[in-house]
Amino acid sequence: MKGAYGLIFAVFLGVLGGVLNWLYLENKTRDVAGVSFLGIAEGVSVEPGQPLSGRHFVEVRIPERHAKNLQDFVYLYEDRVTLEGSPATRNYEGGELVFRADHHTPPAELKLEGNEEMFWVPVDSRSFVPSLVNPGDSITFIVPVYVNQPSRVSTGAPAADVTEAAADAVAGPTIEIGPFRVKSLGDRLGTLDVMKASRRGPIQERQIGIVVDNSKPDEVERAKLLRDRLATGDYRNIGIILHARK
């Protein structure tokens, strides 16, 4: 009988120890400082352009020692009111964090620095994917060199002469001219997702606007070479090489 009481007492002490241990850990967890980030609630799906609302959001709490500089890249939960009513710039699914970089607004207007000039280069729409190129990217043009074409078509020549000269020209080797910094693709001054979120569609994206800094002789020389090729009709079948961002 005494053995049974002893066993019950031992079980009681074990359970009590487990409860006390759980309470200790619970209190320690509450004492850990945390940072609340903004996330998308489970089961929620948001399409680009759809207005964001409070029901889309959920608090994602991360211990401060693990958060580090994450708040430089992800919205805090307390910032959710600044996003409510604004259009989603991309597709969101439940469980994702809301990154600050996703909510840039498109530039209001084209701006150039004092030493900069810009000109547009028509590129063969079959030779690149416009949605994968964005303002700020660095590109090099692949320009065909035609045989039997005049060195330069006179601006005073009739249109028929230009057509005839182009018809006689035969595609030869290509040359690469660049790099140049992209300023626009048609009327697009930012990423395609941001433009779509503002309910605008890009126009003439194959017209690539590039910037030339006149204070840099090498850049000016490359631009002059490219302009010369464009003036002789080499704009036909121009392609591009997209460089990695530094």
C-alpha atoms as a PDB file:
ATOM      1  CA  MET A   1       0.000   0.000   0.000  1.00  0.00           C
ATOM      2  CA  LYS A   2       2.821   2.289   0.909  1.00  0.00           C
ATOM      3  CA  GLY A   3       4.346   1.529  -2.482  1.00  0.00           C
ATOM      4  CA  ALA A   4       1.170   2.684  -4.256  1.00  0.00           C
ATOM      5  CA  TYR A   5       1.152   5.981  -2.332  1.00  0.00           C
ATOM      6  CA  GLY A   6       4.779   6.480  -3.177  1.00  0.00           C
ATOM      7  CA  LEU A   7       4.119   5.888  -6.872  1.00  0.00           C
ATOM      8  CA  ILE A   8       1.195   8.337  -6.904  1.00  0.00           C
ATOM      9  CA  PHE A   9       3.295  10.925  -5.082  1.00  0.00           C
ATOM     10  CA  ALA A  10       6.113  10.487  -7.623  1.00  0.00           C
ATOM     11  CA  VAL A  11       3.697  10.928 -10.541  1.00  0.00           C
ATOM     12  CA  PHE A  12       2.267  14.035  -8.855  1.00  0.00           C
ATOM     13  CA  LEU A  13       5.734  15.534  -8.475  1.00  0.00           C
ATOM     14  CA  GLY A  14       6.511  14.761 -12.133  1.00  0.00           C
ATOM     15  CA  VAL A  15       3.344  16.467 -13.359  1.00  0.00           C
ATOM     16  CA  LEU A  16       3.937  19.433 -11.059  1.00  0.00           C
ATOM     17  CA  GLY A  17       7.509  19.750 -12.341  1.00  0.00           C
ATOM     18  CA  GLY A  18       6.273  19.702 -15.944  1.00  0.00           C
ATOM     19  CA  VAL A  19       3.676  22.409 -15.260  1.00  0.00           C
ATOM     20  CA  LEU A  20       6.185  24.615 -13.454  1.00  0.00           C
ATOM     21  CA  ASN A  21       8.684  24.151 -16.299  1.00  0.00           C
ATOM     22  CA  TRP A  22       6.031  25.109 -18.886  1.00  0.00           C
ATOM     23  CA  LEU A  23       5.093  28.221 -16.889  1.00  0.00           C
ATOM     24  CA  TYR A  24       8.750  29.191 -16.653  1.00  0.00           C
ATOM     25  CA  LEU A  25       9.309  28.832 -20.395  1.00  0.00           C
ATOM     26  CA  GLU A  26       6.080  30.714 -21.169  1.00  0.00           C
ATOM     27  CA  ASN A  27       7.157  33.647 -19.005  1.00  0.00           C
ATOM     28  CA  LYS A  28      10.644  33.666 -20.557  1.00  0.00           C
ATOM     29  CA  THR A  29       9.131  33.718 -24.056  1.00  0.00           C
ATOM     30  CA  ARG A  30       6.969  36.687 -23.164  1.00  0.00           C
ATOM     31  CA  ASP A  31      10.025  38.523 -21.863  1.00  0.00           C
ATOM     32  CA  VAL A  32      11.834  38.191 -25.239  1.00  0.00           C
ATOM     33  CA  ALA A  33      11.597  41.469 -27.184  1.00  0.00           C
ATOM     34  CA  GLY A  34      10.073  41.037 -30.634  1.00  0.00           C
ATOM     35  CA  VAL A  35       9.421  43.052 -33.791  1.00  0.00           C
ATOM     36  CA  SER A  36       6.060  42.873 -35.571  1.00  0.00           C
ATOM     37  CA  PHE A  37       6.272  42.758 -39.361  1.00  0.00           C
ATOM     38  CA  LEU A  38       3.518  43.051 -41.945  1.00  0.00           C
ATOM     39  CA  GLY A  39       2.485  39.839 -43.674  1.00  0.00           C
ATOM     40  CA  ILE A  40      -0.309  38.540 -45.865  1.00  0.00           C
ATOM     41  CA  ALA A  41      -2.900  36.465 -44.009  1.00  0.00           C
ATOM     42  CA  GLU A  42      -3.234  32.758 -44.740  1.00  0.00           C
ATOM     43  CA  GLY A  43      -5.787  31.971 -47.436  1.00  0.00           C
ATOM     44  CA  VAL A  44      -5.577  35.466 -48.946  1.00  0.00           C
ATOM     45  CA  SER A  45      -4.768  36.023 -52.632  1.00  0.00           C
ATOM     46  CA  VAL A  46      -4.272  39.543 -54.000  1.00  0.00           C
ATOM     47  CA  GLU A  47      -3.989  40.343 -57.710  1.00  0.00           C
ATOM     48  CA  PRO A  48      -1.807  43.197 -59.067  1.00  0.00           C
ATOM     49  CA  GLY A  49      -3.801  46.431 -59.060  1.00  0.00           C
ATOM     50  CA  GLN A  50      -6.276  45.191 -56.425  1.00  0.00           C
ATOM     51  CA  PRO A  51      -6.634  47.665 -53.512  1.00  0.00           C
ATOM     52  CA  LEU A  52      -5.075  46.401 -50.293  1.00  0.00           C
ATOM     53  CA  SER A  53      -7.189  46.384 -47.150  1.00  0.00           C
ATOM     54  CA  GLY A  54      -6.830  45.524 -43.483  1.00  0.00           C
ATOM     55  CA  ARG A  55      -8.308  42.057 -43.967  1.00  0.00           C
ATOM     56  CA  HIS A  56      -5.371  41.141 -46.200  1.00  0.00           C
ATOM     57  CA  PHE A  57      -2.809  41.710 -43.454  1.00  0.00           C
ATOM     58  CA  VAL A  58      -1.562  39.722 -40.501  1.00  0.00           C
ATOM     59  CA  GLU A  59       1.011  40.413 -37.790  1.00  0.00           C
ATOM     60  CA  VAL A  60       4.230  38.399 -38.087  1.00  0.00           C
ATOM     61  CA  ARG A  61       6.194  38.634 -34.834  1.00  0.00           C
ATOM     62  CA  ILE A  62       9.911  37.841 -34.920  1.00  0.00           C
ATOM     63  CA  PRO A  63      12.297  37.925 -31.917  1.00  0.00           C
ATOM     64  CA  GLU A  64      14.324  41.101 -32.023  1.00  0.00           C
ATOM     65  CA  ARG A  65      17.637  39.274 -32.030  1.00  0.00           C
ATOM     66  CA  HIS A  66      16.624  37.529 -35.263  1.00  0.00           C
ATOM     67  CA  ALA A  67      15.029  40.549 -36.947  1.00  0.00           C
ATOM     68  CA  LYS A  68      18.314  42.467 -37.281  1.00  0.00           C
ATOM     69  CA  ASN A  69      17.917  44.938 -40.201  1.00  0.00           C
ATOM     70  CA  LEU A  70      14.873  43.202 -41.696  1.00  0.00           C
ATOM     71  CA  GLN A  71      12.771  46.296 -40.971  1.00  0.00           C
ATOM     72  CA  ASP A  72      14.821  48.144 -43.595  1.00  0.00           C
ATOM     73  CA  PHE A  73      13.294  45.857 -46.222  1.00  0.00           C
ATOM     74  CA  VAL A  74       9.916  44.759 -44.813  1.00  0.00           C
ATOM     75  CA  TYR A  75       7.027  46.942 -43.633  1.00  0.00           C
ATOM     76  CA  LEU A  76       6.345  46.961 -39.911  1.00  0.00           C
ATOM     77  CA  TYR A  77       2.882  45.864 -38.846  1.00  0.00           C
ATOM     78  CA  GLU A  78       2.201  49.348 -37.490  1.00  0.00           C
ATOM     79  CA  ASP A  79       2.736  50.737 -41.011  1.00  0.00           C
ATOM     80  CA  ARG A  80      -0.196  48.802 -42.470  1.00  0.00           C
ATOM     81  CA  VAL A  81      -2.450  51.877 -42.482  1.00  0.00           C
ATOM     82  CA  THR A  82      -0.138  53.547 -45.008  1.00  0.00           C
ATOM     83  CA  LEU A  83      -0.801  50.719 -47.487  1.00  0.00           C
ATOM     84  CA  GLU A  84      -4.542  50.311 -47.009  1.00  0.00           C
ATOM     85  CA  GLY A  85      -6.341  51.448 -50.146  1.00  0.00           C
ATOM     86  CA  SER A  86      -3.203  51.454 -52.302  1.00  0.00           C
ATOM     87  CA  PRO A  87      -3.049  49.051 -55.281  1.00  0.00           C
ATOM     88  CA  ALA A  88      -0.985  45.872 -54.983  1.00  0.00           C
ATOM     89  CA  THR A  89       2.048  46.096 -57.244  1.00  0.00           C
ATOM     90  CA  ARG A  90       2.307  42.315 -57.671  1.00  0.00           C
ATOM     91  CA  ASN A  91       0.505  39.091 -56.865  1.00  0.00           C
ATOM     92  CA  TYR A  92       0.444  38.253 -53.129  1.00  0.00           C
ATOM     93  CA  GLU A  93      -0.361  34.905 -51.542  1.00  0.00           C
ATOM     94  CA  GLY A  94      -0.972  34.100 -47.875  1.00  0.00           C
ATOM     95  CA  GLY A  95       2.170  33.674 -45.785  1.00  0.00           C
ATOM     96  CA  GLU A  96       4.271  36.272 -47.621  1.00  0.00           C
ATOM     97  CA  LEU A  97       5.880  39.335 -46.071  1.00  0.00           C
ATOM     98  CA  VAL A  98       5.187  42.758 -47.602  1.00  0.00           C
ATOM     99  CA  PHE A  99       8.451  44.243 -48.830  1.00  0.00           C
ATOM    100  CA  ARG A 100       9.038  47.980 -49.087  1.00  0.00           C
ATOM    101  CA  ALA A 101      10.631  47.605 -52.532  1.00  0.00           C
ATOM    102  CA  ASP A 102       7.319  46.293 -53.907  1.00  0.00           C
ATOM    103  CA  HIS A 103       5.582  49.600 -53.373  1.00  0.00           C
ATOM    104  CA  HIS A 104       7.610  52.139 -55.273  1.00  0.00           C
ATOM    105  CA  THR A 105       5.470  54.563 -57.237  1.00  0.00           C
ATOM    106  CA  PRO A 106       6.239  55.159 -60.923  1.00  0.00           C
ATOM    107  CA  PRO A 107       8.293  58.294 -61.655  1.00  0.00           C
ATOM    108  CA  ALA A 108       6.038  61.270 -62.300  1.00  0.00           C
ATOM    109  CA  GLU A 109       8.189  62.677 -65.098  1.00  0.00           C
ATOM    110  CA  LEU A 110      11.372  62.211 -67.040  1.00  0.00           C
ATOM    111  CA  LYS A 111      14.344  63.898 -65.349  1.00  0.00           C
ATOM    112  CA  LEU A 112      17.868  64.350 -66.712  1.00  0.00           C
ATOM    113  CA  GLU A 113      20.960  65.683 -64.971  1.00  0.00           C
ATOM    114  CA  GLY A 114      22.843  68.743 -66.250  1.00  0.00           C
ATOM    115  CA  ASN A 115      25.390  66.788 -68.319  1.00  0.00           C
ATOM    116  CA  GLU A 116      22.969  64.183 -69.623  1.00  0.00           C
ATOM    117  CA  GLU A 117      21.155  63.856 -72.906  1.00  0.00           C
ATOM    118  CA  MET A 118      18.823  61.145 -74.049  1.00  0.00           C
ATOM    119  CA  PHE A 119      17.880  59.625 -77.378  1.00  0.00           C
ATOM    120  CA  TRP A 120      15.730  56.702 -78.447  1.00  0.00           C
ATOM    121  CA  VAL A 121      16.843  53.591 -80.284  1.00  0.00           C
ATOM    122  CA  PRO A 122      14.243  51.461 -82.113  1.00  0.00           C
ATOM    123  CA  VAL A 123      14.958  47.800 -81.383  1.00  0.00           C
ATOM    124  CA  ASP A 124      13.616  44.739 -83.164  1.00  0.00           C
ATOM    125  CA  SER A 125      10.716  43.560 -81.003  1.00  0.00           C
ATOM    126  CA  ARG A 126      11.609  39.936 -81.805  1.00  0.00           C
ATOM    127  CA  SER A 127      15.124  40.260 -80.398  1.00  0.00           C
ATOM    128  CA  PHE A 128      14.344  40.963 -76.721  1.00  0.00           C
ATOM    129  CA  VAL A 129      11.641  40.680 -74.058  1.00  0.00           C
ATOM    130  CA  PRO A 130      10.666  44.225 -72.936  1.00  0.00           C
ATOM    131  CA  SER A 131       9.212  43.084 -69.610  1.00  0.00           C
ATOM    132  CA  LEU A 132      12.640  41.789 -68.532  1.00  0.00           C
ATOM    133  CA  VAL A 133      14.375  45.124 -69.161  1.00  0.00           C
ATOM    134  CA  ASN A 134      13.842  48.047 -66.780  1.00  0.00           C
ATOM    135  CA  PRO A 135      14.999  51.665 -66.542  1.00  0.00           C
ATOM    136  CA  GLY A 136      18.353  51.706 -64.772  1.00  0.00           C
ATOM    137  CA  ASP A 137      19.568  48.545 -66.520  1.00  0.00           C
ATOM    138  CA  SER A 138      22.766  48.551 -68.568  1.00  0.00           C
ATOM    139  CA  ILE A 139      22.574  47.282 -72.165  1.00  0.00           C
ATOM    140  CA  THR A 140      24.722  46.917 -75.268  1.00  0.00           C
ATOM    141  CA  PHE A 141      23.234  47.140 -78.759  1.00  0.00           C
ATOM    142  CA  ILE A 142      23.856  44.446 -81.379  1.00  0.00           C
ATOM    143  CA  VAL A 143      23.902  46.397 -84.631  1.00  0.00           C
ATOM    144  CA  PRO A 144      23.951  44.674 -88.047  1.00  0.00           C
ATOM    145  CA  VAL A 145      26.330  45.958 -90.684  1.00  0.00           C
ATOM    146  CA  TYR A 146      24.863  45.947 -94.185  1.00  0.00           C
ATOM    147  CA  VAL A 147      26.806  45.437 -97.387  1.00  0.00           C
ATOM    148  CA  ASN A 148      26.200  47.630-100.476  1.00  0.00           C
ATOM    149  CA  GLN A 149      24.452  50.366 -98.541  1.00  0.00           C
ATOM    150  CA  PRO A 150      25.477  54.024 -98.836  1.00  0.00           C
ATOM    151  CA  SER A 151      27.675  55.348 -96.022  1.00  0.00           C
ATOM    152  CA  ARG A 152      24.960  57.847 -95.084  1.00  0.00           C
ATOM    153  CA  VAL A 153      21.519  58.552 -96.497  1.00  0.00           C
ATOM    154  CA  SER A 154      21.087  62.233 -97.249  1.00  0.00           C
ATOM    155  CA  THR A 155      18.246  63.907 -95.368  1.00  0.00           C
ATOM    156  CA  GLY A 156      17.221  65.614 -98.616  1.00  0.00           C
ATOM    157  CA  ALA A 157      16.915  62.378-100.579  1.00  0.00           C
ATOM    158  CA  PRO A 158      13.415  61.202-101.576  1.00  0.00           C
ATOM    159  CA  ALA A 159      11.845  58.436 -99.507  1.00  0.00           C
ATOM    160  CA  ALA A 160      11.940  56.137-102.546  1.00  0.00           C
ATOM    161  CA  ASP A 161      15.736  56.398-102.673  1.00  0.00           C
ATOM    162  CA  VAL A 162      15.998  55.333 -99.039  1.00  0.00           C
ATOM    163  CA  THR A 163      13.751  52.330 -99.653  1.00  0.00           C
ATOM    164  CA  GLU A 164      15.704  51.323-102.746  1.00  0.00           C
ATOM    165  CA  ALA A 165      19.029  51.622-100.912  1.00  0.00           C
ATOM    166  CA  ALA A 166      17.707  49.519 -98.047  1.00  0.00           C
ATOM    167  CA  ALA A 167      16.404  46.879-100.426  1.00  0.00           C
ATOM    168  CA  ASP A 168      19.826  46.545-102.079  1.00  0.00           C
ATOM    169  CA  ALA A 169      21.617  46.247 -98.737  1.00  0.00           C
ATOM    170  CA  VAL A 170      22.541  42.768 -97.598  1.00  0.00           C
ATOM    171  CA  ALA A 171      22.989  41.878 -93.933  1.00  0.00           C
ATOM    172  CA  GLY A 172      26.614  41.224 -93.023  1.00  0.00           C
ATOM    173  CA  PRO A 173      28.391  40.910 -89.669  1.00  0.00           C
ATOM    174  CA  THR A 174      27.227  42.634 -86.498  1.00  0.00           C
ATOM    175  CA  ILE A 175      28.998  44.967 -84.110  1.00  0.00           C
ATOM    176  CA  GLU A 176      28.322  45.561 -80.430  1.00  0.00           C
ATOM    177  CA  ILE A 177      28.008  49.175 -79.249  1.00  0.00           C
ATOM    178  CA  GLY A 178      27.695  49.915 -75.544  1.00  0.00           C
ATOM    179  CA  PRO A 179      27.162  49.794 -72.707  1.00  0.00           C
ATOM    180  CA  PHE A 180      24.427  52.408 -72.208  1.00  0.00           C
ATOM    181  CA  ARG A 181      22.089  53.077 -69.298  1.00  0.00           C
ATOM    182  CA  VAL A 182      18.391  52.610 -70.013  1.00  0.00           C
ATOM    183  CA  LYS A 183      16.214  55.565 -69.035  1.00  0.00           C
ATOM    184  CA  SER A 184      12.899  54.455 -70.523  1.00  0.00           C
ATOM    185  CA  LEU A 185      11.186  51.789 -72.586  1.00  0.00           C
ATOM    186  CA  GLY A 186       8.652  53.721 -74.630  1.00  0.00           C
ATOM    187  CA  ASP A 187       6.769  55.738 -72.017  1.00  0.00           C
ATOM    188  CA  ARG A 188       7.704  53.332 -69.186  1.00  0.00           C
ATOM    189  CA  LEU A 189       9.980  54.966 -66.596  1.00  0.00           C
ATOM    190  CA  GLY A 190       9.806  52.204 -63.969  1.00  0.00           C
ATOM    191  CA  THR A 191       9.177  48.476 -63.637  1.00  0.00           C
ATOM    192  CA  LEU A 192       6.292  46.910 -65.518  1.00  0.00           C
ATOM    193  CA  ASP A 193       4.614  45.677 -62.304  1.00  0.00           C
ATOM    194  CA  VAL A 194       4.545  49.171 -60.818  1.00  0.00           C
ATOM    195  CA  MET A 195       3.121  50.605 -64.032  1.00  0.00           C
ATOM    196  CA  LYS A 196       0.396  47.948 -64.175  1.00  0.00           C
ATOM    197  CA  ALA A 197      -0.473  48.603 -60.535  1.00  0.00           C
ATOM    198  CA  SER A 198      -1.123  52.238 -61.436  1.00  0.00           C
ATOM    199  CA  ARG A 199      -3.528  50.891 -64.094  1.00  0.00           C
ATOM    200  CA  ARG A 200      -1.429  52.123 -67.000  1.00  0.00           C
ATOM    201  CA  GLY A 201      -0.210  50.116 -69.947  1.00  0.00           C
ATOM    202  CA  PRO A 202       3.219  50.662 -71.530  1.00  0.00           C
ATOM    203  CA  ILE A 203       3.380  52.171 -75.019  1.00  0.00           C
ATOM    204  CA  GLN A 204       6.073  51.543 -77.670  1.00  0.00           C
ATOM    205  CA  GLU A 205       8.392  49.569 -75.403  1.00  0.00           C
ATOM    206  CA  ARG A 206      10.660  48.678 -78.293  1.00  0.00           C
ATOM    207  CA  GLN A 207      11.725  52.332 -78.406  1.00  0.00           C
ATOM    208  CA  ILE A 208      14.527  52.248 -75.827  1.00  0.00           C
ATOM    209  CA  GLY A 209      15.578  55.597 -74.393  1.00  0.00           C
ATOM    210  CA  ILE A 210      19.241  55.691 -73.385  1.00  0.00           C
ATOM    211  CA  VAL A 211      21.158  58.324 -71.422  1.00  0.00           C
ATOM    212  CA  VAL A 212      24.537  59.738 -72.421  1.00  0.00           C
ATOM    213  CA  ASP A 213      26.701  61.670 -69.984  1.00  0.00           C
ATOM    214  CA  ASN A 214      28.471  64.369 -72.019  1.00  0.00           C
ATOM    215  CA  SER A 215      31.175  64.685 -69.345  1.00  0.00           C
ATOM    216  CA  LYS A 216      32.418  61.159 -70.206  1.00  0.00           C
ATOM    217  CA  PRO A 217      34.327  61.127 -73.551  1.00  0.00           C
ATOM    218  CA  ASP A 218      34.131  57.336 -73.988  1.00  0.00           C
ATOM    219  CA  GLU A 219      30.375  57.380 -73.538  1.00  0.00           C
ATOM    220  CA  VAL A 220      29.998  60.272 -75.985  1.00  0.00           C
ATOM    221  CA  GLU A 221      32.094  58.415 -78.574  1.00  0.00           C
ATOM    222  CA  ARG A 222      29.965  55.273 -78.245  1.00  0.00           C
ATOM    223  CA  ALA A 223      26.812  57.334 -78.655  1.00  0.00           C
ATOM    224  CA  LYS A 224      28.212  58.997 -81.797  1.00  0.00           C
ATOM    225  CA  LEU A 225      29.016  55.598 -83.316  1.00  0.00           C
ATOM    226  CA  LEU A 226      25.520  54.356 -82.537  1.00  0.00           C
ATOM    227  CA  ARG A 227      23.929  57.466 -84.045  1.00  0.00           C
ATOM    228  CA  ASP A 228      25.991  57.046 -87.205  1.00  0.00           C
ATOM    229  CA  ARG A 229      24.774  53.479 -87.567  1.00  0.00           C
ATOM    230  CA  LEU A 230      21.172  54.527 -87.014  1.00  0.00           C
ATOM    231  CA  ALA A 231      21.528  57.258 -89.632  1.00  0.00           C
ATOM    232  CA  THR A 232      22.628  54.742 -92.270  1.00  0.00           C
ATOM    233  CA  GLY A 233      19.576  52.558 -91.740  1.00  0.00           C
ATOM    234  CA  ASP A 234      21.190  50.016 -89.425  1.00  0.00           C
ATOM    235  CA  TYR A 235      18.270  50.350 -87.042  1.00  0.00           C
ATOM    236  CA  ARG A 236      16.753  47.345 -88.798  1.00  0.00           C
ATOM    237  CA  ASN A 237      17.027  44.160 -86.728  1.00  0.00           C
ATOM    238  CA  ILE A 238      18.903  45.748 -83.835  1.00  0.00           C
ATOM    239  CA  GLY A 239      19.072  43.519 -80.757  1.00  0.00           C
ATOM    240  CA  ILE A 240      20.336  44.088 -77.224  1.00  0.00           C
ATOM    241  CA  ILE A 241      22.542  42.438 -74.609  1.00  0.00           C
ATOM    242  CA  LEU A 242      21.356  42.920 -71.015  1.00  0.00           C
ATOM    243  CA  HIS A 243      24.160  43.279 -68.456  1.00  0.00           C
ATOM    244  CA  ALA A 244      24.033  42.268 -64.806  1.00  0.00           C
ATOM    245  CA  ARG A 245      23.324  45.075 -62.364  1.00  0.00           C
ATOM    246  CA  LYS A 246      26.322  46.094 -60.279  1.00  0.00           C
END
